[in-house]
Protein backbone atom coordinates (compact mmCIF):
# COMPACT_ATOMS: atom_id res chain seq x y z
CA UNK A 1 -1.34 27.51 35.29
CA UNK A 2 -4.10 25.11 35.15
CA UNK A 3 -4.19 22.25 33.23
CA UNK A 4 -7.12 20.35 31.27
CA UNK A 5 -8.61 16.90 32.02
CA UNK A 6 -6.82 15.33 29.13
CA UNK A 7 -3.85 12.82 30.15
CA UNK A 8 -0.78 12.87 27.88
CA UNK A 9 1.56 10.03 28.12
CA UNK A 10 4.77 9.96 26.36
CA UNK A 11 6.21 6.24 26.12
CA UNK A 12 9.94 6.17 25.34
CA UNK A 13 10.92 3.00 23.56
CA UNK A 14 14.40 1.76 22.48
CA UNK A 15 14.50 -1.23 20.31
CA UNK A 16 17.20 -3.55 19.19
CA UNK A 17 18.55 -2.27 15.95
CA UNK A 18 17.51 -5.55 14.18
CA UNK A 19 14.01 -5.04 15.44
CA UNK A 20 13.06 -1.62 14.36
CA UNK A 21 10.96 -2.71 11.11
CA UNK A 22 9.07 -5.31 13.11
CA UNK A 23 8.60 -3.13 16.12
CA UNK A 24 7.20 -0.27 13.87
CA UNK A 25 4.73 -2.74 12.00
CA UNK A 26 3.49 -4.03 15.51
CA UNK A 27 3.21 -0.45 17.04
CA UNK A 28 1.38 0.94 13.74
CA UNK A 29 -1.19 -1.75 14.20
CA UNK A 30 -1.72 -1.02 17.89
CA UNK A 31 -1.90 2.80 17.32
CA UNK A 32 -4.51 2.51 14.42
CA UNK A 33 -6.74 0.09 16.60
CA UNK A 34 -6.10 2.46 19.80
CA UNK A 35 -7.32 5.74 18.08
CA UNK A 36 -10.62 3.93 17.60
CA UNK A 37 -11.17 3.69 21.28
CA UNK A 38 -13.46 6.28 22.83
CA UNK A 39 -11.17 7.30 25.83
CA UNK A 40 -8.36 8.01 23.29
CA UNK A 41 -7.91 11.41 21.57
CA UNK A 42 -4.72 10.96 19.91
CA UNK A 43 -2.13 8.19 19.63
CA UNK A 44 1.02 9.17 18.11
CA UNK A 45 4.14 7.36 16.90
CA UNK A 46 7.28 9.27 16.21
CA UNK A 47 10.61 7.81 15.56
CA UNK A 48 14.08 9.74 16.59
CA UNK A 49 15.64 10.90 13.37
CA UNK A 50 19.46 10.34 14.34
CA UNK A 51 18.74 7.18 16.14
CA UNK A 52 15.79 5.08 14.49
CA UNK A 53 15.90 2.43 17.28
CA UNK A 54 14.27 5.09 19.44
CA UNK A 55 10.64 5.86 19.44
CA UNK A 56 8.19 7.76 21.47
CA UNK A 57 4.54 6.94 21.58
CA UNK A 58 1.95 10.07 22.43
CA UNK A 59 -0.79 8.86 23.87
CA UNK A 60 -3.61 11.43 24.78
CA UNK A 61 -6.26 10.14 27.00
CA UNK A 62 -9.72 11.88 27.34
CA UNK A 63 -10.14 10.67 31.23
CA UNK A 64 -8.18 9.03 34.00
CA UNK A 65 -9.62 5.58 33.37
CA UNK A 66 -8.66 5.50 29.85
CA UNK A 67 -5.26 4.22 30.15
CA UNK A 68 -6.39 1.18 32.34
CA UNK A 69 -9.30 0.47 29.85
CA UNK A 70 -6.72 0.45 26.99
CA UNK A 71 -4.73 -1.83 28.75
CA UNK A 72 -7.42 -4.09 28.80
CA UNK A 73 -7.76 -4.39 24.91
CA UNK A 74 -6.59 -7.41 22.71
CA UNK A 75 -4.92 -5.14 20.54
CA UNK A 76 -2.56 -3.67 23.40
CA UNK A 77 -2.03 -7.31 24.53
CA UNK A 78 -0.62 -8.20 21.38
CA UNK A 79 1.48 -5.23 20.98
CA UNK A 80 2.89 -5.73 24.51
CA UNK A 81 3.43 -9.50 24.00
CA UNK A 82 4.98 -9.22 20.45
CA UNK A 83 7.43 -6.33 21.33
CA UNK A 84 8.56 -7.57 24.67
CA UNK A 85 11.42 -9.07 23.25
CA UNK A 86 12.35 -6.26 20.96
CA UNK A 87 13.24 -3.84 23.58
CA UNK A 88 16.74 -2.83 23.99
CA UNK A 89 15.98 -1.44 27.36
CA UNK A 90 12.77 -1.46 29.59
CA UNK A 91 10.21 1.31 28.11
CA UNK A 92 9.57 4.12 30.35
CA UNK A 93 6.85 6.71 30.49
CA UNK A 94 5.97 10.19 31.66
CA UNK A 95 2.54 11.70 32.42
CA UNK A 96 1.74 15.00 31.73
CA UNK A 97 -1.47 17.52 32.06
CA UNK A 98 -2.71 18.97 28.84
CA UNK A 99 -2.15 22.82 29.00
CA UNK A 100 -2.74 23.67 25.10
CA UNK A 101 -4.92 23.41 23.13
CA UNK A 102 -7.87 23.59 25.28
CA UNK A 103 -9.30 19.63 25.72
CA UNK A 104 -11.99 20.62 23.21
CA UNK A 105 -9.40 21.21 20.75
CA UNK A 106 -8.46 17.43 20.67
């Protein structure tokens, strides 16, 4: 099965229990600014129901260069530096190719 040109990245984050609210606030500020970038189709933030210290950021990029451009923005640098000490473990990411909906559906 072929996939589209969109790059979908799931970033898995576990934060310290005392940092959940601060992490969420910093991450929402980053997400709101990120969706304004032309290379980003979606930037979702989800929180695990049975463990509120765990989040997944679902980042959908329109082209291969968009993640690097995202990491050059001031809002990403602010987020990265703000949340670094909040992590219970280092964050991880998994990259996916879009299958459905078709790229035009994003």
